[in-house]
Amino acid sequence: MRNYRMTEMKHFSLDSDLTRNYINGTIPPRLGQLPKLKNLSLIVNRLTGPIPPEIGNITTLEQLVLEDNLLGGSLPPHLGNLTSLRILALSANNFTGTIPDTFGNLKSLNEFKIDGSELSGKIPDFIGNWINITTFLESLRISDLSGSSSTLPNLQAMKNLTNL
């Protein structure tokens, strides 16, 4: 099977699913110049490096799924600009640091996966304020946070939560 590099990709549709294509390299910052992109799925590839801050320019993005890669570095605060996001799945990567406060702006989320990374700090209080999450969330996966212990934020409004 041929290994592809992200820089070789010429065309992206409104729904770009590049799942399990063994793509190597980094996520090109120029993806941030695709203002109409709605869904970007790069699950199970071999992507490395950080998520470029330019991804935060794609304000039409509804799904950003980057699970099971080798991505690392800090989570870019610019992802908090993606207020149309319904799904943010970043599990099984090598992210470090904390979940940025700007993620509190992601009030349209109904799926959030960030487990299996090297994140530290506490589970942010703003998660309890995500409107769609509190209404529709059935499963919340945030694990492997290192650092001092802390209490869970108020999850009382999450009436459909069956898995924590």
N, C-alpha and C. Protein backbone atom coordinates (compact mmCIF):
# COMPACT_ATOMS: atom_id res chain seq x y z
N MET A 1 0.84 -1.18 0.00
CA MET A 1 0.00 0.00 0.00
C MET A 1 0.89 1.24 0.00
N ARG A 2 0.55 2.21 -0.79
CA ARG A 2 1.33 3.43 -0.90
C ARG A 2 1.10 4.32 0.31
N ASN A 3 2.16 4.94 0.80
CA ASN A 3 2.05 5.93 1.86
C ASN A 3 1.92 7.31 1.23
N TYR A 4 0.94 8.06 1.65
CA TYR A 4 0.72 9.40 1.12
C TYR A 4 1.17 10.43 2.13
N ARG A 5 1.52 11.60 1.63
CA ARG A 5 1.84 12.75 2.48
C ARG A 5 0.72 13.76 2.31
N MET A 6 0.40 14.46 3.38
CA MET A 6 -0.67 15.47 3.31
C MET A 6 -0.37 16.51 2.24
N THR A 7 0.90 16.83 2.01
CA THR A 7 1.24 17.85 1.02
C THR A 7 0.94 17.39 -0.40
N GLU A 8 0.72 16.09 -0.61
CA GLU A 8 0.38 15.57 -1.94
C GLU A 8 -1.11 15.66 -2.24
N MET A 9 -1.91 15.93 -1.24
CA MET A 9 -3.35 15.98 -1.42
C MET A 9 -3.73 17.29 -2.11
N LYS A 10 -4.40 17.18 -3.25
CA LYS A 10 -4.72 18.36 -4.06
C LYS A 10 -6.13 18.87 -3.84
N HIS A 11 -7.07 18.00 -3.57
CA HIS A 11 -8.47 18.41 -3.54
C HIS A 11 -9.14 17.95 -2.25
N PHE A 12 -9.94 18.83 -1.70
CA PHE A 12 -10.75 18.50 -0.54
C PHE A 12 -12.18 18.91 -0.84
N SER A 13 -13.12 18.03 -0.54
CA SER A 13 -14.52 18.37 -0.73
C SER A 13 -15.06 18.95 0.57
N LEU A 14 -16.34 19.28 0.57
CA LEU A 14 -16.96 19.80 1.79
C LEU A 14 -16.90 18.76 2.90
N ASP A 15 -16.90 17.49 2.52
CA ASP A 15 -16.79 16.38 3.47
C ASP A 15 -15.56 15.56 3.08
N SER A 16 -14.46 15.80 3.75
CA SER A 16 -13.23 15.09 3.41
C SER A 16 -12.95 14.01 4.45
N ASP A 17 -13.10 12.76 4.02
CA ASP A 17 -12.82 11.62 4.88
C ASP A 17 -11.59 10.92 4.34
N LEU A 18 -10.48 11.11 5.02
CA LEU A 18 -9.21 10.50 4.63
C LEU A 18 -8.80 9.46 5.66
N THR A 19 -9.79 8.75 6.16
CA THR A 19 -9.58 7.75 7.20
C THR A 19 -8.79 6.56 6.66
N ARG A 20 -7.85 6.09 7.47
CA ARG A 20 -7.07 4.87 7.20
C ARG A 20 -6.39 4.88 5.84
N ASN A 21 -5.76 5.98 5.51
CA ASN A 21 -5.03 6.08 4.25
C ASN A 21 -3.53 6.06 4.44
N TYR A 22 -3.07 5.86 5.66
CA TYR A 22 -1.64 5.81 5.97
C TYR A 22 -0.92 7.07 5.50
N ILE A 23 -1.55 8.20 5.73
CA ILE A 23 -0.97 9.48 5.34
C ILE A 23 0.11 9.85 6.35
N ASN A 24 1.28 10.21 5.83
CA ASN A 24 2.41 10.64 6.66
C ASN A 24 2.51 12.16 6.65
N GLY A 25 3.32 12.68 7.54
CA GLY A 25 3.63 14.10 7.55
C GLY A 25 2.76 14.87 8.53
N THR A 26 2.69 16.15 8.30
CA THR A 26 1.95 17.04 9.19
C THR A 26 0.67 17.50 8.51
N ILE A 27 -0.23 18.05 9.29
CA ILE A 27 -1.45 18.63 8.73
C ILE A 27 -1.06 19.98 8.13
N PRO A 28 -1.29 20.18 6.83
CA PRO A 28 -0.87 21.43 6.21
C PRO A 28 -1.66 22.63 6.74
N PRO A 29 -0.96 23.70 7.13
CA PRO A 29 -1.66 24.90 7.59
C PRO A 29 -2.62 25.46 6.54
N ARG A 30 -2.35 25.20 5.27
CA ARG A 30 -3.21 25.76 4.22
C ARG A 30 -4.62 25.19 4.23
N LEU A 31 -4.84 24.09 4.98
CA LEU A 31 -6.22 23.62 5.13
C LEU A 31 -7.10 24.70 5.74
N GLY A 32 -6.49 25.60 6.50
CA GLY A 32 -7.22 26.71 7.09
C GLY A 32 -7.77 27.68 6.07
N GLN A 33 -7.39 27.50 4.81
CA GLN A 33 -7.87 28.36 3.73
C GLN A 33 -9.07 27.74 3.00
N LEU A 34 -9.66 26.74 3.58
CA LEU A 34 -10.83 26.08 2.98
C LEU A 34 -12.07 26.49 3.77
N PRO A 35 -12.60 27.68 3.48
CA PRO A 35 -13.64 28.26 4.33
C PRO A 35 -14.98 27.55 4.31
N LYS A 36 -15.20 26.62 3.37
CA LYS A 36 -16.49 25.93 3.30
C LYS A 36 -16.43 24.48 3.78
N LEU A 37 -15.26 24.04 4.22
CA LEU A 37 -15.10 22.66 4.67
C LEU A 37 -15.98 22.41 5.90
N LYS A 38 -16.75 21.33 5.87
CA LYS A 38 -17.65 21.01 6.98
C LYS A 38 -17.14 19.85 7.83
N ASN A 39 -16.56 18.85 7.20
CA ASN A 39 -16.12 17.65 7.91
C ASN A 39 -14.71 17.29 7.49
N LEU A 40 -13.85 17.10 8.47
CA LEU A 40 -12.48 16.67 8.21
C LEU A 40 -12.18 15.49 9.11
N SER A 41 -12.02 14.32 8.48
CA SER A 41 -11.74 13.09 9.22
C SER A 41 -10.42 12.51 8.75
N LEU A 42 -9.47 12.42 9.66
CA LEU A 42 -8.14 11.89 9.37
C LEU A 42 -7.80 10.77 10.36
N ILE A 43 -8.78 9.95 10.68
CA ILE A 43 -8.59 8.88 11.67
C ILE A 43 -7.59 7.85 11.16
N VAL A 44 -6.79 7.33 12.06
CA VAL A 44 -5.86 6.24 11.82
C VAL A 44 -4.98 6.51 10.59
N ASN A 45 -4.16 7.51 10.72
CA ASN A 45 -3.12 7.78 9.75
C ASN A 45 -1.81 7.84 10.51
N ARG A 46 -0.82 8.45 9.96
CA ARG A 46 0.48 8.57 10.62
C ARG A 46 0.89 10.03 10.70
N LEU A 47 -0.07 10.88 10.98
CA LEU A 47 0.18 12.31 11.03
C LEU A 47 0.95 12.67 12.30
N THR A 48 1.91 13.58 12.16
CA THR A 48 2.75 14.00 13.27
C THR A 48 2.68 15.51 13.42
N GLY A 49 3.30 16.01 14.49
CA GLY A 49 3.37 17.45 14.72
C GLY A 49 2.11 17.98 15.37
N PRO A 50 2.04 19.29 15.51
CA PRO A 50 0.87 19.91 16.15
C PRO A 50 -0.28 20.09 15.17
N ILE A 51 -1.46 20.37 15.72
CA ILE A 51 -2.58 20.81 14.89
C ILE A 51 -2.29 22.26 14.54
N PRO A 52 -2.21 22.61 13.26
CA PRO A 52 -1.90 24.00 12.92
C PRO A 52 -2.99 24.95 13.41
N PRO A 53 -2.60 26.09 13.96
CA PRO A 53 -3.60 27.07 14.43
C PRO A 53 -4.55 27.50 13.32
N GLU A 54 -4.10 27.43 12.07
CA GLU A 54 -4.93 27.84 10.93
C GLU A 54 -6.21 27.02 10.80
N ILE A 55 -6.24 25.82 11.38
CA ILE A 55 -7.47 25.01 11.35
C ILE A 55 -8.59 25.78 12.04
N GLY A 56 -8.24 26.63 12.99
CA GLY A 56 -9.23 27.46 13.68
C GLY A 56 -9.90 28.49 12.79
N ASN A 57 -9.43 28.65 11.55
CA ASN A 57 -10.04 29.59 10.60
C ASN A 57 -11.23 28.97 9.87
N ILE A 58 -11.40 27.67 9.94
CA ILE A 58 -12.47 26.99 9.19
C ILE A 58 -13.74 27.00 10.05
N THR A 59 -14.37 28.15 10.13
CA THR A 59 -15.50 28.32 11.05
C THR A 59 -16.74 27.54 10.63
N THR A 60 -16.76 26.99 9.42
CA THR A 60 -17.88 26.16 8.97
C THR A 60 -17.73 24.70 9.39
N LEU A 61 -16.58 24.36 9.96
CA LEU A 61 -16.29 22.97 10.32
C LEU A 61 -17.27 22.46 11.37
N GLU A 62 -17.91 21.32 11.08
CA GLU A 62 -18.85 20.69 12.01
C GLU A 62 -18.26 19.45 12.66
N GLN A 63 -17.31 18.81 11.98
CA GLN A 63 -16.66 17.62 12.52
C GLN A 63 -15.16 17.72 12.29
N LEU A 64 -14.41 17.59 13.36
CA LEU A 64 -12.95 17.52 13.28
C LEU A 64 -12.55 16.25 14.00
N VAL A 65 -12.14 15.24 13.24
CA VAL A 65 -11.85 13.92 13.79
C VAL A 65 -10.41 13.57 13.42
N LEU A 66 -9.54 13.60 14.42
CA LEU A 66 -8.11 13.38 14.21
C LEU A 66 -7.59 12.24 15.08
N GLU A 67 -8.44 11.33 15.46
CA GLU A 67 -8.07 10.25 16.38
C GLU A 67 -7.03 9.31 15.78
N ASP A 68 -6.28 8.66 16.69
CA ASP A 68 -5.35 7.59 16.33
C ASP A 68 -4.31 8.02 15.30
N ASN A 69 -3.58 9.07 15.63
CA ASN A 69 -2.45 9.53 14.85
C ASN A 69 -1.27 9.69 15.80
N LEU A 70 -0.28 10.42 15.40
CA LEU A 70 0.89 10.70 16.23
C LEU A 70 1.02 12.20 16.47
N LEU A 71 -0.11 12.90 16.45
CA LEU A 71 -0.11 14.35 16.64
C LEU A 71 0.33 14.68 18.06
N GLY A 72 0.94 15.84 18.23
CA GLY A 72 1.44 16.21 19.55
C GLY A 72 1.46 17.70 19.75
N GLY A 73 2.09 18.10 20.83
CA GLY A 73 2.15 19.51 21.19
C GLY A 73 0.90 19.91 21.95
N SER A 74 0.76 21.20 22.14
CA SER A 74 -0.40 21.74 22.85
C SER A 74 -1.61 21.78 21.93
N LEU A 75 -2.79 21.67 22.53
CA LEU A 75 -4.01 21.87 21.76
C LEU A 75 -4.11 23.36 21.43
N PRO A 76 -4.26 23.72 20.15
CA PRO A 76 -4.28 25.14 19.81
C PRO A 76 -5.55 25.83 20.32
N PRO A 77 -5.38 26.96 21.01
CA PRO A 77 -6.55 27.71 21.48
C PRO A 77 -7.47 28.13 20.34
N HIS A 78 -6.92 28.25 19.12
CA HIS A 78 -7.71 28.68 17.97
C HIS A 78 -8.84 27.70 17.63
N LEU A 79 -8.75 26.46 18.10
CA LEU A 79 -9.86 25.53 17.86
C LEU A 79 -11.13 26.01 18.54
N GLY A 80 -10.99 26.88 19.52
CA GLY A 80 -12.15 27.48 20.17
C GLY A 80 -12.95 28.39 19.26
N ASN A 81 -12.38 28.75 18.08
CA ASN A 81 -13.10 29.56 17.09
C ASN A 81 -14.11 28.73 16.30
N LEU A 82 -14.03 27.41 16.40
CA LEU A 82 -14.86 26.52 15.58
C LEU A 82 -16.22 26.31 16.24
N THR A 83 -16.98 27.36 16.33
CA THR A 83 -18.23 27.34 17.09
C THR A 83 -19.33 26.51 16.43
N SER A 84 -19.13 26.06 15.19
CA SER A 84 -20.10 25.17 14.53
C SER A 84 -19.80 23.70 14.77
N LEU A 85 -18.67 23.41 15.45
CA LEU A 85 -18.28 22.02 15.67
C LEU A 85 -19.33 21.26 16.47
N ARG A 86 -19.72 20.10 15.95
CA ARG A 86 -20.59 19.18 16.67
C ARG A 86 -19.78 18.01 17.23
N ILE A 87 -18.71 17.64 16.50
CA ILE A 87 -17.85 16.53 16.92
C ILE A 87 -16.40 16.99 16.93
N LEU A 88 -15.75 16.82 18.07
CA LEU A 88 -14.31 17.07 18.20
C LEU A 88 -13.71 15.81 18.80
N ALA A 89 -13.01 15.04 17.99
CA ALA A 89 -12.44 13.76 18.42
C ALA A 89 -10.93 13.79 18.21
N LEU A 90 -10.20 13.86 19.31
CA LEU A 90 -8.75 13.99 19.27
C LEU A 90 -8.05 12.87 20.03
N SER A 91 -8.76 11.81 20.36
CA SER A 91 -8.22 10.72 21.19
C SER A 91 -7.02 10.04 20.54
N ALA A 92 -6.23 9.38 21.41
CA ALA A 92 -5.11 8.53 20.99
C ALA A 92 -4.09 9.28 20.15
N ASN A 93 -3.62 10.39 20.68
CA ASN A 93 -2.53 11.16 20.11
C ASN A 93 -1.55 11.46 21.24
N ASN A 94 -0.65 12.38 21.04
CA ASN A 94 0.37 12.69 22.04
C ASN A 94 0.29 14.14 22.50
N PHE A 95 -0.91 14.67 22.66
CA PHE A 95 -1.06 16.06 23.07
C PHE A 95 -0.60 16.25 24.50
N THR A 96 -0.03 17.42 24.76
CA THR A 96 0.44 17.77 26.11
C THR A 96 -0.20 19.08 26.54
N GLY A 97 -0.03 19.41 27.80
CA GLY A 97 -0.58 20.65 28.32
C GLY A 97 -2.00 20.45 28.81
N THR A 98 -2.76 21.52 28.81
CA THR A 98 -4.13 21.48 29.32
C THR A 98 -5.12 21.74 28.19
N ILE A 99 -6.38 21.50 28.47
CA ILE A 99 -7.44 21.82 27.53
C ILE A 99 -7.63 23.34 27.58
N PRO A 100 -7.46 24.04 26.44
CA PRO A 100 -7.54 25.50 26.45
C PRO A 100 -8.91 26.02 26.90
N ASP A 101 -8.89 27.14 27.60
CA ASP A 101 -10.13 27.78 28.04
C ASP A 101 -11.03 28.15 26.86
N THR A 102 -10.43 28.42 25.69
CA THR A 102 -11.22 28.80 24.52
C THR A 102 -12.15 27.68 24.07
N PHE A 103 -11.90 26.44 24.50
CA PHE A 103 -12.80 25.34 24.16
C PHE A 103 -14.17 25.55 24.80
N GLY A 104 -14.27 26.44 25.75
CA GLY A 104 -15.55 26.80 26.35
C GLY A 104 -16.50 27.42 25.34
N ASN A 105 -15.96 27.92 24.20
CA ASN A 105 -16.79 28.52 23.14
C ASN A 105 -17.48 27.46 22.28
N LEU A 106 -17.13 26.22 22.43
CA LEU A 106 -17.63 25.15 21.55
C LEU A 106 -18.98 24.63 22.05
N LYS A 107 -19.95 25.49 22.07
CA LYS A 107 -21.25 25.17 22.66
C LYS A 107 -22.13 24.30 21.77
N SER A 108 -21.73 24.07 20.51
CA SER A 108 -22.51 23.20 19.62
C SER A 108 -22.08 21.74 19.70
N LEU A 109 -21.03 21.45 20.47
CA LEU A 109 -20.53 20.08 20.57
C LEU A 109 -21.57 19.13 21.14
N ASN A 110 -21.66 17.95 20.53
CA ASN A 110 -22.41 16.87 21.18
C ASN A 110 -21.56 15.61 21.28
N GLU A 111 -20.31 15.69 20.82
CA GLU A 111 -19.36 14.59 21.02
C GLU A 111 -17.97 15.18 21.20
N PHE A 112 -17.32 14.80 22.30
CA PHE A 112 -15.98 15.31 22.62
C PHE A 112 -15.15 14.15 23.14
N LYS A 113 -14.08 13.81 22.41
CA LYS A 113 -13.19 12.71 22.80
C LYS A 113 -11.76 13.24 22.87
N ILE A 114 -11.14 13.07 24.00
CA ILE A 114 -9.78 13.57 24.19
C ILE A 114 -8.94 12.59 25.01
N ASP A 115 -9.42 11.37 25.17
CA ASP A 115 -8.71 10.39 26.00
C ASP A 115 -7.49 9.83 25.25
N GLY A 116 -6.58 9.24 26.02
CA GLY A 116 -5.42 8.60 25.43
C GLY A 116 -4.33 9.54 24.98
N SER A 117 -4.20 10.69 25.62
CA SER A 117 -3.13 11.63 25.32
C SER A 117 -2.34 11.89 26.60
N GLU A 118 -1.46 12.82 26.56
CA GLU A 118 -0.61 13.17 27.70
C GLU A 118 -1.03 14.50 28.31
N LEU A 119 -2.32 14.81 28.28
CA LEU A 119 -2.80 16.08 28.82
C LEU A 119 -2.71 16.08 30.33
N SER A 120 -2.62 17.28 30.88
CA SER A 120 -2.54 17.43 32.33
C SER A 120 -3.57 18.46 32.78
N GLY A 121 -3.71 18.58 34.08
CA GLY A 121 -4.65 19.55 34.63
C GLY A 121 -5.97 18.91 34.97
N LYS A 122 -6.93 19.75 35.30
CA LYS A 122 -8.23 19.25 35.71
C LYS A 122 -9.22 19.29 34.55
N ILE A 123 -10.31 18.58 34.72
CA ILE A 123 -11.38 18.66 33.73
C ILE A 123 -11.99 20.05 33.86
N PRO A 124 -12.01 20.81 32.77
CA PRO A 124 -12.46 22.21 32.87
C PRO A 124 -13.93 22.34 33.28
N ASP A 125 -14.20 23.37 34.08
CA ASP A 125 -15.56 23.63 34.53
C ASP A 125 -16.50 23.96 33.37
N PHE A 126 -15.96 24.56 32.29
CA PHE A 126 -16.84 24.99 31.20
C PHE A 126 -17.55 23.83 30.51
N ILE A 127 -17.08 22.60 30.68
CA ILE A 127 -17.75 21.46 30.05
C ILE A 127 -19.20 21.38 30.51
N GLY A 128 -19.47 21.72 31.73
CA GLY A 128 -20.84 21.71 32.24
C GLY A 128 -21.72 22.78 31.61
N ASN A 129 -21.12 23.73 30.87
CA ASN A 129 -21.88 24.81 30.23
C ASN A 129 -22.12 24.56 28.75
N TRP A 130 -21.57 23.49 28.19
CA TRP A 130 -21.80 23.21 26.78
C TRP A 130 -23.25 22.80 26.60
N ILE A 131 -24.02 23.61 25.94
CA ILE A 131 -25.47 23.42 25.84
C ILE A 131 -25.84 22.10 25.18
N ASN A 132 -25.30 21.81 24.00
CA ASN A 132 -25.63 20.55 23.32
C ASN A 132 -25.11 19.36 24.09
N ILE A 133 -23.96 19.51 24.70
CA ILE A 133 -23.40 18.41 25.49
C ILE A 133 -24.36 18.10 26.64
N THR A 134 -24.83 19.13 27.32
CA THR A 134 -25.70 18.88 28.48
C THR A 134 -27.03 18.27 28.06
N THR A 135 -27.47 18.53 26.84
CA THR A 135 -28.74 18.01 26.37
C THR A 135 -28.62 16.62 25.76
N PHE A 136 -27.60 16.41 24.92
CA PHE A 136 -27.54 15.19 24.11
C PHE A 136 -26.43 14.21 24.48
N LEU A 137 -25.48 14.63 25.28
CA LEU A 137 -24.32 13.78 25.54
C LEU A 137 -24.70 12.48 26.23
N GLU A 138 -24.21 11.38 25.66
CA GLU A 138 -24.42 10.07 26.27
C GLU A 138 -23.12 9.51 26.82
N SER A 139 -22.00 9.93 26.25
CA SER A 139 -20.71 9.39 26.66
C SER A 139 -19.68 10.52 26.71
N LEU A 140 -19.00 10.65 27.83
CA LEU A 140 -17.96 11.66 28.00
C LEU A 140 -16.65 10.94 28.27
N ARG A 141 -15.68 11.12 27.37
CA ARG A 141 -14.39 10.44 27.52
C ARG A 141 -13.28 11.47 27.63
N ILE A 142 -12.87 11.73 28.84
CA ILE A 142 -11.70 12.54 29.12
C ILE A 142 -10.95 11.77 30.18
N SER A 143 -9.84 11.19 29.81
CA SER A 143 -9.09 10.42 30.79
C SER A 143 -7.62 10.67 30.61
N ASP A 144 -6.86 10.09 31.47
CA ASP A 144 -5.41 10.18 31.40
C ASP A 144 -4.90 11.58 31.68
N LEU A 145 -5.67 12.42 32.36
CA LEU A 145 -5.17 13.73 32.75
C LEU A 145 -4.24 13.55 33.93
N SER A 146 -3.02 14.05 33.79
CA SER A 146 -2.08 13.95 34.90
C SER A 146 -2.07 15.25 35.68
N GLY A 147 -1.50 15.23 36.83
CA GLY A 147 -1.44 16.42 37.67
C GLY A 147 -2.19 16.20 38.96
N SER A 148 -2.39 17.28 39.69
CA SER A 148 -3.06 17.15 40.98
C SER A 148 -4.52 16.76 40.79
N SER A 149 -5.05 16.10 41.78
CA SER A 149 -6.44 15.65 41.69
C SER A 149 -7.37 16.85 41.77
N SER A 150 -8.54 16.68 41.20
CA SER A 150 -9.54 17.74 41.24
C SER A 150 -10.91 17.09 41.21
N THR A 151 -11.92 17.88 41.49
CA THR A 151 -13.28 17.37 41.47
C THR A 151 -13.84 17.50 40.06
N LEU A 152 -14.83 16.68 39.76
CA LEU A 152 -15.51 16.79 38.47
C LEU A 152 -16.32 18.07 38.45
N PRO A 153 -16.44 18.70 37.28
CA PRO A 153 -17.34 19.85 37.19
C PRO A 153 -18.78 19.38 37.36
N ASN A 154 -19.67 20.31 37.55
CA ASN A 154 -21.08 19.98 37.73
C ASN A 154 -21.64 19.40 36.43
N LEU A 155 -22.01 18.14 36.47
CA LEU A 155 -22.55 17.44 35.30
C LEU A 155 -24.05 17.16 35.47
N GLN A 156 -24.66 17.79 36.44
CA GLN A 156 -26.05 17.53 36.80
C GLN A 156 -27.01 17.73 35.63
N ALA A 157 -26.73 18.69 34.75
CA ALA A 157 -27.64 18.98 33.64
C ALA A 157 -27.55 17.95 32.52
N MET A 158 -26.58 17.07 32.57
CA MET A 158 -26.38 16.08 31.51
C MET A 158 -27.30 14.88 31.74
N LYS A 159 -28.55 15.04 31.45
CA LYS A 159 -29.59 14.06 31.75
C LYS A 159 -29.44 12.75 30.99
N ASN A 160 -28.85 12.77 29.79
CA ASN A 160 -28.72 11.56 28.97
C ASN A 160 -27.40 10.83 29.17
N LEU A 161 -26.54 11.33 30.05
CA LEU A 161 -25.23 10.74 30.25
C LEU A 161 -25.37 9.34 30.85
N THR A 162 -24.89 8.34 30.11
CA THR A 162 -24.94 6.97 30.60
C THR A 162 -23.54 6.40 30.82
N ASN A 163 -22.53 6.98 30.21
CA ASN A 163 -21.14 6.51 30.35
C ASN A 163 -20.25 7.68 30.69
N LEU A 164 -19.48 7.52 31.77
CA LEU A 164 -18.55 8.58 32.18
C LEU A 164 -17.19 7.96 32.38
